Amino acid sequence: MADRARQPSKAAGFYATLTAAAVLGVAITLSPIDPIKALYWTAVINGVVAVPVMTVMMLMTAQPRIMGKFTISGWLRALGWASTLAMAACVVGMVVGWFG
């Protein structure tokens, strides 16, 4: 039964995503894009996008209707918000460094 779950017809979305990623990788490799610059800008984008994702995640983890009995509180909640604020401060510092 486990072998049937791994057939491409049973996981079309997974295999389509994997194929699209491979095709995109080949296209980038054959393009004039500098791979080191691409990695750098990917990291910058991930850092900027992390702030709203972390904020939404912190808001969700505090709501019992979403998390049930697994809501966070106390030091774990404080640590999560501190991490979110630290990440936001890094993004602000980066932007100020670029334009300031």
Protein backbone atom coordinates (compact mmCIF):
# COMPACT_ATOMS: atom_id res chain seq x y z
CA MET A 1 0.00 0.00 0.00
CA ALA A 2 2.87 2.39 0.74
CA ASP A 3 4.17 1.97 -2.81
CA ARG A 4 0.84 3.15 -4.27
CA ALA A 5 1.05 6.39 -2.26
CA ARG A 6 4.30 7.24 -4.03
CA GLN A 7 3.01 6.94 -7.57
CA PRO A 8 3.09 10.20 -9.58
CA SER A 9 -0.62 9.94 -10.31
CA LYS A 10 -1.32 10.08 -6.56
CA ALA A 11 0.88 13.12 -5.95
CA ALA A 12 0.53 15.29 -9.05
CA GLY A 13 0.98 18.57 -7.16
CA PHE A 14 4.20 17.40 -5.54
CA TYR A 15 5.73 16.16 -8.79
CA ALA A 16 4.59 19.27 -10.69
CA THR A 17 6.27 21.48 -8.09
CA LEU A 18 9.43 19.38 -8.20
CA THR A 19 9.50 19.52 -12.01
CA ALA A 20 8.88 23.28 -12.07
CA ALA A 21 11.72 23.84 -9.58
CA ALA A 22 14.09 21.71 -11.66
CA VAL A 23 13.17 23.54 -14.87
CA LEU A 24 13.60 26.91 -13.14
CA GLY A 25 16.99 25.79 -11.82
CA VAL A 26 18.16 24.80 -15.29
CA ALA A 27 16.86 28.08 -16.73
CA ILE A 28 18.73 30.10 -14.12
CA THR A 29 21.89 28.07 -14.70
CA LEU A 30 21.74 28.80 -18.43
CA SER A 31 20.95 32.49 -17.92
CA PRO A 32 23.48 35.27 -17.36
CA ILE A 33 22.34 35.67 -13.72
CA ASP A 34 25.24 35.53 -11.25
CA PRO A 35 24.39 32.67 -8.84
CA ILE A 36 26.09 34.37 -5.86
CA LYS A 37 24.08 37.54 -6.39
CA ALA A 38 20.94 35.42 -6.75
CA LEU A 39 21.68 33.73 -3.41
CA TYR A 40 22.33 37.10 -1.78
CA TRP A 41 19.08 38.65 -3.00
CA THR A 42 17.14 35.52 -2.09
CA ALA A 43 18.44 35.81 1.47
CA VAL A 44 17.52 39.52 1.58
CA ILE A 45 13.98 38.79 0.37
CA ASN A 46 13.61 35.92 2.87
CA GLY A 47 14.72 38.20 5.71
CA VAL A 48 12.24 40.92 4.78
CA VAL A 49 9.36 38.48 4.27
CA ALA A 50 10.14 36.76 7.58
CA VAL A 51 8.90 39.73 9.63
CA PRO A 52 5.23 39.63 8.57
CA VAL A 53 5.26 35.82 8.59
CA MET A 54 6.61 35.77 12.15
CA THR A 55 4.06 38.40 13.21
CA VAL A 56 1.13 36.41 11.85
CA MET A 57 2.53 33.24 13.38
CA MET A 58 2.85 34.89 16.80
CA LEU A 59 -0.72 36.19 16.59
CA MET A 60 -2.03 32.77 15.59
CA THR A 61 -0.17 30.82 18.28
CA ALA A 62 -1.79 32.89 21.02
CA GLN A 63 -5.37 32.11 19.92
CA PRO A 64 -7.01 29.06 21.49
CA ARG A 65 -9.56 28.78 18.67
CA ILE A 66 -6.66 28.13 16.28
CA MET A 67 -4.16 26.31 18.49
CA GLY A 68 -6.49 24.58 20.95
CA LYS A 69 -4.58 23.50 24.03
CA PHE A 70 -1.23 24.26 22.35
CA THR A 71 -1.33 28.07 22.67
CA ILE A 72 1.90 29.69 23.71
CA SER A 73 2.24 31.89 26.77
CA GLY A 74 4.78 33.19 29.22
CA TRP A 75 8.46 33.13 28.36
CA LEU A 76 7.91 31.32 25.06
CA ARG A 77 5.53 34.02 23.86
CA ALA A 78 7.93 36.76 25.03
CA LEU A 79 10.83 35.05 23.25
CA GLY A 80 8.78 34.78 20.05
CA TRP A 81 7.90 38.46 20.08
CA ALA A 82 11.49 39.40 20.95
CA SER A 83 12.70 37.38 17.96
CA THR A 84 10.12 39.04 15.72
CA LEU A 85 11.16 42.50 16.93
CA ALA A 86 14.86 41.65 16.47
CA MET A 87 14.17 40.54 12.92
CA ALA A 88 12.22 43.73 12.23
CA ALA A 89 15.07 45.81 13.67
CA CYS A 90 17.52 44.04 11.35
CA VAL A 91 15.34 44.82 8.34
CA VAL A 92 15.03 48.47 9.40
CA GLY A 93 18.80 48.62 9.91
CA MET A 94 19.39 47.15 6.48
CA VAL A 95 17.09 49.69 4.81
CA VAL A 96 18.61 52.59 6.74
CA GLY A 97 22.07 51.36 5.76
CA TRP A 98 21.10 51.36 2.10
CA PHE A 99 19.41 54.75 2.01
CA GLY A 100 20.74 56.58 5.09
